[in-house]
Every structure is written in structure tokens, then in C-alpha cells.
Amino acid sequence: MKNKQVIVQDWGLIDYKEAWAKQEALFNATIALKMEIRNRQLVIAGDNQPVNDIITPNYLIFCEHQHVYTLGNSGKPEHLLLDEKGLEEKDATYYHINRGGDITYHGPGQIVAYPILDLDNFFTDIHLYLRMLEEAVILTLADFGIKAGRYPGYTGVWLDADNGRARKISAMGVRCSRWVTMHGLAFNVNNDLSYFKNIIPCGIDDKAVTSMQHEIGEAVDIKEVQKILQHHIADLFSMEIASAG
């Protein structure tokens, strides 16, 4: 049985490690439930057919983080250009985590979206999943008059990807197990771009990073951007928003 209802939560400004633990709890609970559904057989009135009367939940989490650098499974530690003292001076933390991708930065003024979805409820194609997340960001930027697109060979969302001024505005890194996802996307809205100078973002050392504020020339209402992003994600995935909080 498919369930396209999605519980939306806004965790506000939250420490990365705390958010990671909360994600893991939802992720692991969803996988455990999938295993229960798979292994449990309910018998109805003498009919020896397995019946799945349980459906897996889906979540869409939004938050911002304090300054933090995270390194994915395919990343290189040397792409962090700060030592422990440098991290302390920048009031930043660093974690090697269980998502795909290389190193990236999260901080205040940046929208972080964590879809914890059972893709069996939508479609079982991780490449399509990433393209849909990219498309949601591209459509959101278009609503603010910013033309964005994809850069061949890379994930994420870019501006001027077809010329020498290519710059990245949204990074992505996901984990997927038994078609349940976690981690997600980071979308630069009003965040301090100087923090990206302390890493080789996503392992790409010859491309710039940008934000909506930098492109527009003034700060943007981040909650309005988040609302529009949520709308586009829900529309692209044909989600039914069950609740928010």
C-alpha cells in the first residue's frame, strides 16, 4: 500500500549533531516498519494471503544549522582547509557523516531540507529523486527571478552552468537504504559565503558558490523561500501534506 502523505516539520535553528540523531531515529524507525510489513503475515477469515495493513510514514524536515562542515562517504578529509584551531576560531564544527558526496558547509541563513521518504511510496529511482530535488530548487529560484539549472556531471543547482561564470547555489547529498532516504539538500539563501573559503566545496576547486542574497543584492525572507520550496517539492512528488509543525 502506498502512502503519499508527508509530515512536514520545521526544526528551526538546530545543532547539526542533534538534527542528525533525530533524522537517524525517523530513518531507522521507517526501515524497521518496512521490515515488519515485509515479514508479517495477517490471515483474513481463512484466506491464507499476506495482508499489509501498515503503511510507512514520510517526513519533510526543514531547518537551519549553526556553522558546521560535513564530509560525505566519497569525500576527502583534505578538502577541509581548517585544523581544529581554525574550526574553533570560526565557531564551527566538523563531522564525517553517512551520506553521499564530498564536503559542504551549513550555517544560519541557509535552508536545509531533509526528506525522509519511503520511495516505495513514490518511485524507486534514486537518480530521479535527486533530479526532482534539484528541480524544486530551480523552480523556487525562478519564482524570484533567478535563472538556474544543472551542471553536467555534478549534482546540485547552478547559475550560469553553461559558461565560465558557473556558481553553485544548492548542494545535495543523500543516503538511501531499502528505498528510505535521509539527508538531502542545502540551499544558500542569506548565509555567510565566506565560510565556503575554508573548504573545497563538494570537491570542486574551480567553481564559485553563491546565494540568493548575493544574486539579488539584498536579504530574502527565508521563510517565504522555504514555503515556496515546500510547495514545489510537494507538487513534483505528488505529496499530500498531512500535517505541519
C-alpha atoms as a PDB file:
ATOM      1  CA  MET A   1       0.000   0.000   0.000  1.00  0.00           C
ATOM      2  CA  LYS A   2       1.423   3.381  -0.989  1.00  0.00           C
ATOM      3  CA  ASN A   3       1.260   6.395   1.287  1.00  0.00           C
ATOM      4  CA  LYS A   4       1.924   9.809  -0.254  1.00  0.00           C
ATOM      5  CA  GLN A   5       1.038  11.714   2.892  1.00  0.00           C
ATOM      6  CA  VAL A   6       4.017  13.678   4.214  1.00  0.00           C
ATOM      7  CA  ILE A   7       4.506  15.125   7.675  1.00  0.00           C
ATOM      8  CA  VAL A   8       6.280  18.497   7.412  1.00  0.00           C
ATOM      9  CA  GLN A   9       8.332  19.681  10.378  1.00  0.00           C
ATOM     10  CA  ASP A  10      10.352  22.851  10.926  1.00  0.00           C
ATOM     11  CA  TRP A  11      13.157  22.277  13.413  1.00  0.00           C
ATOM     12  CA  GLY A  12      14.345  25.887  13.277  1.00  0.00           C
ATOM     13  CA  LEU A  13      17.987  26.660  14.077  1.00  0.00           C
ATOM     14  CA  ILE A  14      19.341  23.377  15.410  1.00  0.00           C
ATOM     15  CA  ASP A  15      22.744  21.890  16.178  1.00  0.00           C
ATOM     16  CA  TYR A  16      23.834  19.550  13.376  1.00  0.00           C
ATOM     17  CA  LYS A  17      24.549  16.586  15.650  1.00  0.00           C
ATOM     18  CA  GLU A  18      21.115  16.860  17.280  1.00  0.00           C
ATOM     19  CA  ALA A  19      19.405  17.039  13.879  1.00  0.00           C
ATOM     20  CA  TRP A  20      21.436  14.077  12.638  1.00  0.00           C
ATOM     21  CA  ALA A  21      20.315  11.980  15.623  1.00  0.00           C
ATOM     22  CA  LYS A  22      16.666  12.955  15.080  1.00  0.00           C
ATOM     23  CA  GLN A  23      16.947  12.080  11.389  1.00  0.00           C
ATOM     24  CA  GLU A  24      18.509   8.714  12.184  1.00  0.00           C
ATOM     25  CA  ALA A  25      15.686   7.909  14.605  1.00  0.00           C
ATOM     26  CA  LEU A  26      12.994   8.587  11.976  1.00  0.00           C
ATOM     27  CA  PHE A  27      15.014   6.826   9.253  1.00  0.00           C
ATOM     28  CA  ASN A  28      15.655   3.706  11.341  1.00  0.00           C
ATOM     29  CA  ALA A  29      12.054   3.547  12.572  1.00  0.00           C
ATOM     30  CA  THR A  30      10.775   3.696   8.992  1.00  0.00           C
ATOM     31  CA  ILE A  31      13.109   0.906   7.874  1.00  0.00           C
ATOM     32  CA  ALA A  32      12.115  -1.219  10.886  1.00  0.00           C
ATOM     33  CA  LEU A  33       8.460  -0.731   9.993  1.00  0.00           C
ATOM     34  CA  LYS A  34       9.151  -1.749   6.389  1.00  0.00           C
ATOM     35  CA  MET A  35      10.739  -4.952   7.659  1.00  0.00           C
ATOM     36  CA  GLU A  36       7.748  -5.601   9.902  1.00  0.00           C
ATOM     37  CA  ILE A  37       5.408  -5.155   6.947  1.00  0.00           C
ATOM     38  CA  ARG A  38       7.514  -7.483   4.830  1.00  0.00           C
ATOM     39  CA  ASN A  39       7.804 -10.212   7.435  1.00  0.00           C
ATOM     40  CA  ARG A  40       4.356 -10.071   8.972  1.00  0.00           C
ATOM     41  CA  GLN A  41       1.511 -12.117   7.532  1.00  0.00           C
ATOM     42  CA  LEU A  42      -2.043 -11.410   8.570  1.00  0.00           C
ATOM     43  CA  VAL A  43      -4.660 -14.030   7.819  1.00  0.00           C
ATOM     44  CA  ILE A  44      -8.202 -12.907   6.996  1.00  0.00           C
ATOM     45  CA  ALA A  45     -11.084 -15.349   7.561  1.00  0.00           C
ATOM     46  CA  GLY A  46      -9.395 -18.454   6.269  1.00  0.00           C
ATOM     47  CA  ASP A  47      -7.727 -16.700   3.318  1.00  0.00           C
ATOM     48  CA  ASN A  48      -4.036 -17.528   3.591  1.00  0.00           C
ATOM     49  CA  GLN A  49      -2.897 -14.445   1.744  1.00  0.00           C
ATOM     50  CA  PRO A  50      -0.476 -11.949   3.324  1.00  0.00           C
ATOM     51  CA  VAL A  51      -2.100  -8.605   4.044  1.00  0.00           C
ATOM     52  CA  ASN A  52      -0.188  -5.402   4.592  1.00  0.00           C
ATOM     53  CA  ASP A  53      -2.350  -3.206   6.824  1.00  0.00           C
ATOM     54  CA  ILE A  54       0.513  -0.942   7.870  1.00  0.00           C
ATOM     55  CA  ILE A  55       1.860   1.936   5.804  1.00  0.00           C
ATOM     56  CA  THR A  56       5.221   3.635   6.161  1.00  0.00           C
ATOM     57  CA  PRO A  57       5.356   7.348   7.033  1.00  0.00           C
ATOM     58  CA  ASN A  58       7.101  10.108   5.102  1.00  0.00           C
ATOM     59  CA  TYR A  59       8.673  13.259   6.519  1.00  0.00           C
ATOM     60  CA  LEU A  60       9.926  16.528   5.080  1.00  0.00           C
ATOM     61  CA  ILE A  61      12.143  18.336   7.576  1.00  0.00           C
ATOM     62  CA  PHE A  62      13.316  21.938   7.260  1.00  0.00           C
ATOM     63  CA  CYS A  63      15.937  23.562   9.460  1.00  0.00           C
ATOM     64  CA  GLU A  64      18.990  25.785   9.690  1.00  0.00           C
ATOM     65  CA  HIS A  65      22.260  24.816  11.365  1.00  0.00           C
ATOM     66  CA  GLN A  66      24.952  26.541  13.332  1.00  0.00           C
ATOM     67  CA  HIS A  67      28.238  26.730  11.411  1.00  0.00           C
ATOM     68  CA  VAL A  68      29.257  23.173  10.504  1.00  0.00           C
ATOM     69  CA  TYR A  69      31.249  21.336   7.848  1.00  0.00           C
ATOM     70  CA  THR A  70      30.143  17.815   6.894  1.00  0.00           C
ATOM     71  CA  LEU A  71      32.092  15.264   4.866  1.00  0.00           C
ATOM     72  CA  GLY A  72      30.259  12.551   2.933  1.00  0.00           C
ATOM     73  CA  ASN A  73      31.339   8.968   2.297  1.00  0.00           C
ATOM     74  CA  SER A  74      33.027   9.780  -1.011  1.00  0.00           C
ATOM     75  CA  GLY A  75      34.772  12.907   0.268  1.00  0.00           C
ATOM     76  CA  LYS A  76      38.392  13.613   1.086  1.00  0.00           C
ATOM     77  CA  PRO A  77      39.327  14.940   4.550  1.00  0.00           C
ATOM     78  CA  GLU A  78      41.927  17.241   2.981  1.00  0.00           C
ATOM     79  CA  HIS A  79      39.077  19.188   1.365  1.00  0.00           C
ATOM     80  CA  LEU A  80      38.590  20.788   4.788  1.00  0.00           C
ATOM     81  CA  LEU A  81      41.188  23.557   4.868  1.00  0.00           C
ATOM     82  CA  LEU A  82      40.947  24.231   8.615  1.00  0.00           C
ATOM     83  CA  ASP A  83      42.603  22.472  11.544  1.00  0.00           C
ATOM     84  CA  GLU A  84      40.987  22.166  14.972  1.00  0.00           C
ATOM     85  CA  LYS A  85      42.170  25.629  15.985  1.00  0.00           C
ATOM     86  CA  GLY A  86      40.807  27.109  12.768  1.00  0.00           C
ATOM     87  CA  LEU A  87      37.424  25.464  13.352  1.00  0.00           C
ATOM     88  CA  GLU A  88      37.344  26.904  16.858  1.00  0.00           C
ATOM     89  CA  GLU A  89      38.185  30.370  15.575  1.00  0.00           C
ATOM     90  CA  LYS A  90      35.328  30.118  13.068  1.00  0.00           C
ATOM     91  CA  ASP A  91      32.978  28.822  15.774  1.00  0.00           C
ATOM     92  CA  ALA A  92      32.365  25.817  13.519  1.00  0.00           C
ATOM     93  CA  THR A  93      32.146  22.057  13.982  1.00  0.00           C
ATOM     94  CA  TYR A  94      33.066  19.201  11.639  1.00  0.00           C
ATOM     95  CA  TYR A  95      31.516  15.762  11.109  1.00  0.00           C
ATOM     96  CA  HIS A  96      32.235  12.821   8.811  1.00  0.00           C
ATOM     97  CA  ILE A  97      28.738  11.534   8.036  1.00  0.00           C
ATOM     98  CA  ASN A  98      26.922   8.705   6.263  1.00  0.00           C
ATOM     99  CA  ARG A  99      25.626  10.435   3.142  1.00  0.00           C
ATOM    100  CA  GLY A 100      26.956  10.511  -0.385  1.00  0.00           C
ATOM    101  CA  GLY A 101      29.020  13.384  -1.717  1.00  0.00           C
ATOM    102  CA  ASP A 102      32.052  15.302  -0.574  1.00  0.00           C
ATOM    103  CA  ILE A 103      32.411  18.178   1.883  1.00  0.00           C
ATOM    104  CA  THR A 104      29.940  21.000   2.315  1.00  0.00           C
ATOM    105  CA  TYR A 105      29.029  23.768   4.732  1.00  0.00           C
ATOM    106  CA  HIS A 106      25.834  24.540   6.624  1.00  0.00           C
ATOM    107  CA  GLY A 107      25.099  27.708   8.547  1.00  0.00           C
ATOM    108  CA  PRO A 108      22.483  30.253   9.582  1.00  0.00           C
ATOM    109  CA  GLY A 109      20.614  31.768   6.648  1.00  0.00           C
ATOM    110  CA  GLN A 110      20.769  28.547   4.625  1.00  0.00           C
ATOM    111  CA  ILE A 111      17.718  26.335   4.126  1.00  0.00           C
ATOM    112  CA  VAL A 112      18.444  22.677   4.828  1.00  0.00           C
ATOM    113  CA  ALA A 113      15.778  20.192   3.742  1.00  0.00           C
ATOM    114  CA  TYR A 114      15.799  16.591   4.926  1.00  0.00           C
ATOM    115  CA  PRO A 115      13.216  14.417   3.116  1.00  0.00           C
ATOM    116  CA  ILE A 116      12.872  11.136   4.988  1.00  0.00           C
ATOM    117  CA  LEU A 117      10.773   9.348   2.417  1.00  0.00           C
ATOM    118  CA  ASP A 118       9.960   5.742   1.690  1.00  0.00           C
ATOM    119  CA  LEU A 119      10.481   5.897  -2.064  1.00  0.00           C
ATOM    120  CA  ASP A 120       8.321   2.781  -2.416  1.00  0.00           C
ATOM    121  CA  ASN A 121       5.513   5.265  -1.777  1.00  0.00           C
ATOM    122  CA  PHE A 122       6.596   7.388  -4.758  1.00  0.00           C
ATOM    123  CA  PHE A 123       9.096   5.853  -7.202  1.00  0.00           C
ATOM    124  CA  THR A 124      12.158   3.671  -6.757  1.00  0.00           C
ATOM    125  CA  ASP A 125      14.743   5.639  -8.705  1.00  0.00           C
ATOM    126  CA  ILE A 126      17.429   7.465  -6.725  1.00  0.00           C
ATOM    127  CA  HIS A 127      18.660   9.413  -9.755  1.00  0.00           C
ATOM    128  CA  LEU A 128      15.139  10.671 -10.443  1.00  0.00           C
ATOM    129  CA  TYR A 129      14.846  11.518  -6.746  1.00  0.00           C
ATOM    130  CA  LEU A 130      17.916  13.781  -6.942  1.00  0.00           C
ATOM    131  CA  ARG A 131      16.721  15.395 -10.163  1.00  0.00           C
ATOM    132  CA  MET A 132      13.338  16.138  -8.535  1.00  0.00           C
ATOM    133  CA  LEU A 133      15.022  17.848  -5.580  1.00  0.00           C
ATOM    134  CA  GLU A 134      17.129  19.888  -7.991  1.00  0.00           C
ATOM    135  CA  GLU A 135      14.030  20.820  -9.977  1.00  0.00           C
ATOM    136  CA  ALA A 136      12.268  22.048  -6.831  1.00  0.00           C
ATOM    137  CA  VAL A 137      15.170  24.435  -6.129  1.00  0.00           C
ATOM    138  CA  ILE A 138      15.316  25.550  -9.787  1.00  0.00           C
ATOM    139  CA  LEU A 139      11.587  26.344  -9.759  1.00  0.00           C
ATOM    140  CA  THR A 140      11.891  28.193  -6.444  1.00  0.00           C
ATOM    141  CA  LEU A 141      14.698  30.364  -7.804  1.00  0.00           C
ATOM    142  CA  ALA A 142      12.653  31.081 -10.923  1.00  0.00           C
ATOM    143  CA  ASP A 143       9.881  32.432  -8.691  1.00  0.00           C
ATOM    144  CA  PHE A 144      12.386  35.038  -7.504  1.00  0.00           C
ATOM    145  CA  GLY A 145      13.592  35.869 -10.993  1.00  0.00           C
ATOM    146  CA  ILE A 146      16.817  33.852 -10.782  1.00  0.00           C
ATOM    147  CA  LYS A 147      17.549  31.539 -13.710  1.00  0.00           C
ATOM    148  CA  ALA A 148      19.231  28.337 -12.557  1.00  0.00           C
ATOM    149  CA  GLY A 149      19.918  24.873 -13.906  1.00  0.00           C
ATOM    150  CA  ARG A 150      22.160  21.831 -13.704  1.00  0.00           C
ATOM    151  CA  TYR A 151      25.867  21.389 -14.349  1.00  0.00           C
ATOM    152  CA  PRO A 152      26.595  18.227 -16.413  1.00  0.00           C
ATOM    153  CA  GLY A 153      28.358  15.603 -14.332  1.00  0.00           C
ATOM    154  CA  TYR A 154      27.528  17.172 -10.962  1.00  0.00           C
ATOM    155  CA  THR A 155      24.577  17.140  -8.584  1.00  0.00           C
ATOM    156  CA  GLY A 156      23.090  20.311  -7.187  1.00  0.00           C
ATOM    157  CA  VAL A 157      21.788  23.542  -8.670  1.00  0.00           C
ATOM    158  CA  TRP A 158      23.922  26.059 -10.529  1.00  0.00           C
ATOM    159  CA  LEU A 159      23.768  29.501 -12.070  1.00  0.00           C
ATOM    160  CA  ASP A 160      25.424  30.182 -15.446  1.00  0.00           C
ATOM    161  CA  ALA A 161      26.336  26.499 -15.733  1.00  0.00           C
ATOM    162  CA  ASP A 162      26.852  26.928 -19.478  1.00  0.00           C
ATOM    163  CA  ASN A 163      29.698  29.436 -19.216  1.00  0.00           C
ATOM    164  CA  GLY A 164      32.803  30.383 -17.252  1.00  0.00           C
ATOM    165  CA  ARG A 165      30.782  32.096 -14.525  1.00  0.00           C
ATOM    166  CA  ALA A 166      29.272  28.863 -13.193  1.00  0.00           C
ATOM    167  CA  ARG A 167      28.484  29.062  -9.470  1.00  0.00           C
ATOM    168  CA  LYS A 168      26.652  26.696  -7.159  1.00  0.00           C
ATOM    169  CA  ILE A 169      23.667  27.741  -5.074  1.00  0.00           C
ATOM    170  CA  SER A 170      22.402  24.393  -3.772  1.00  0.00           C
ATOM    171  CA  ALA A 171      24.292  21.239  -2.789  1.00  0.00           C
ATOM    172  CA  MET A 172      22.844  17.755  -2.327  1.00  0.00           C
ATOM    173  CA  GLY A 173      23.883  14.585  -0.590  1.00  0.00           C
ATOM    174  CA  VAL A 174      21.619  11.694   0.339  1.00  0.00           C
ATOM    175  CA  ARG A 175      21.627   8.301   1.962  1.00  0.00           C
ATOM    176  CA  CYS A 176      19.187   5.613   0.863  1.00  0.00           C
ATOM    177  CA  SER A 177      18.624   2.196   2.418  1.00  0.00           C
ATOM    178  CA  ARG A 178      15.749  -0.138   1.457  1.00  0.00           C
ATOM    179  CA  TRP A 179      14.449   2.835  -0.546  1.00  0.00           C
ATOM    180  CA  VAL A 180      14.185   5.030   2.556  1.00  0.00           C
ATOM    181  CA  THR A 181      16.036   8.343   2.239  1.00  0.00           C
ATOM    182  CA  MET A 182      17.723  10.718   4.647  1.00  0.00           C
ATOM    183  CA  HIS A 183      19.948  13.815   4.449  1.00  0.00           C
ATOM    184  CA  GLY A 184      19.012  15.974   1.466  1.00  0.00           C
ATOM    185  CA  LEU A 185      19.746  19.467   0.198  1.00  0.00           C
ATOM    186  CA  ALA A 186      21.297  22.739   1.333  1.00  0.00           C
ATOM    187  CA  PHE A 187      20.034  25.911  -0.326  1.00  0.00           C
ATOM    188  CA  ASN A 188      22.019  29.131   0.057  1.00  0.00           C
ATOM    189  CA  VAL A 189      19.644  31.986   0.819  1.00  0.00           C
ATOM    190  CA  ASN A 190      21.179  34.574   3.177  1.00  0.00           C
ATOM    191  CA  ASN A 191      24.153  32.656   4.601  1.00  0.00           C
ATOM    192  CA  ASP A 192      27.720  33.938   5.010  1.00  0.00           C
ATOM    193  CA  LEU A 193      29.528  32.721   1.877  1.00  0.00           C
ATOM    194  CA  SER A 194      32.984  33.339   3.371  1.00  0.00           C
ATOM    195  CA  TYR A 195      32.713  30.016   5.208  1.00  0.00           C
ATOM    196  CA  PHE A 196      32.970  28.204   1.869  1.00  0.00           C
ATOM    197  CA  LYS A 197      36.513  29.569   1.519  1.00  0.00           C
ATOM    198  CA  ASN A 198      37.588  27.118   4.221  1.00  0.00           C
ATOM    199  CA  ILE A 199      36.747  24.046   2.121  1.00  0.00           C
ATOM    200  CA  ILE A 200      36.892  22.760  -1.426  1.00  0.00           C
ATOM    201  CA  PRO A 201      33.084  22.668  -1.771  1.00  0.00           C
ATOM    202  CA  CYS A 202      31.861  19.262  -2.943  1.00  0.00           C
ATOM    203  CA  GLY A 203      35.445  18.618  -4.048  1.00  0.00           C
ATOM    204  CA  ILE A 204      35.178  21.230  -6.821  1.00  0.00           C
ATOM    205  CA  ASP A 205      38.052  23.699  -6.594  1.00  0.00           C
ATOM    206  CA  ASP A 206      37.477  25.806  -9.714  1.00  0.00           C
ATOM    207  CA  LYS A 207      33.841  26.929  -9.309  1.00  0.00           C
ATOM    208  CA  ALA A 208      32.312  29.635  -7.128  1.00  0.00           C
ATOM    209  CA  VAL A 209      29.489  29.395  -4.600  1.00  0.00           C
ATOM    210  CA  THR A 210      26.653  31.902  -4.423  1.00  0.00           C
ATOM    211  CA  SER A 211      23.412  32.666  -2.560  1.00  0.00           C
ATOM    212  CA  MET A 212      20.084  34.310  -3.272  1.00  0.00           C
ATOM    213  CA  GLN A 213      21.134  37.332  -1.231  1.00  0.00           C
ATOM    214  CA  HIS A 214      24.336  37.680  -3.249  1.00  0.00           C
ATOM    215  CA  GLU A 215      22.490  37.402  -6.560  1.00  0.00           C
ATOM    216  CA  ILE A 216      19.602  39.710  -5.688  1.00  0.00           C
ATOM    217  CA  GLY A 217      21.678  42.215  -3.725  1.00  0.00           C
ATOM    218  CA  GLU A 218      19.656  42.107  -0.524  1.00  0.00           C
ATOM    219  CA  ALA A 219      18.465  39.648   2.106  1.00  0.00           C
ATOM    220  CA  VAL A 220      15.462  37.497   1.236  1.00  0.00           C
ATOM    221  CA  ASP A 221      12.647  36.346   3.537  1.00  0.00           C
ATOM    222  CA  ILE A 222      13.954  32.841   4.221  1.00  0.00           C
ATOM    223  CA  LYS A 223      10.616  31.554   5.499  1.00  0.00           C
ATOM    224  CA  GLU A 224       8.938  32.662   2.289  1.00  0.00           C
ATOM    225  CA  VAL A 225      11.601  30.842   0.270  1.00  0.00           C
ATOM    226  CA  GLN A 226      11.076  27.747   2.415  1.00  0.00           C
ATOM    227  CA  LYS A 227       7.319  27.897   1.885  1.00  0.00           C
ATOM    228  CA  ILE A 228       7.754  28.088  -1.887  1.00  0.00           C
ATOM    229  CA  LEU A 229      10.355  25.303  -1.880  1.00  0.00           C
ATOM    230  CA  GLN A 230       7.989  23.086   0.121  1.00  0.00           C
ATOM    231  CA  HIS A 231       5.229  23.768  -2.423  1.00  0.00           C
ATOM    232  CA  HIS A 232       7.427  22.739  -5.353  1.00  0.00           C
ATOM    233  CA  ILE A 233       8.706  19.584  -3.626  1.00  0.00           C
ATOM    234  CA  ALA A 234       5.151  18.564  -2.757  1.00  0.00           C
ATOM    235  CA  ASP A 235       3.932  19.251  -6.283  1.00  0.00           C
ATOM    236  CA  LEU A 236       6.744  17.373  -8.027  1.00  0.00           C
ATOM    237  CA  PHE A 237       6.362  14.308  -5.799  1.00  0.00           C
ATOM    238  CA  SER A 238       2.528  14.495  -5.775  1.00  0.00           C
ATOM    239  CA  MET A 239       2.701  14.634  -1.977  1.00  0.00           C
ATOM    240  CA  GLU A 240      -0.270  15.077   0.293  1.00  0.00           C
ATOM    241  CA  ILE A 241       0.813  17.333   3.149  1.00  0.00           C
ATOM    242  CA  ALA A 242      -0.674  15.579   6.170  1.00  0.00           C
ATOM    243  CA  SER A 243       0.429  17.961   8.903  1.00  0.00           C
ATOM    244  CA  ALA A 244       2.998  20.576   9.704  1.00  0.00           C
ATOM    245  CA  GLY A 245       4.739  21.641  12.862  1.00  0.00           C
END
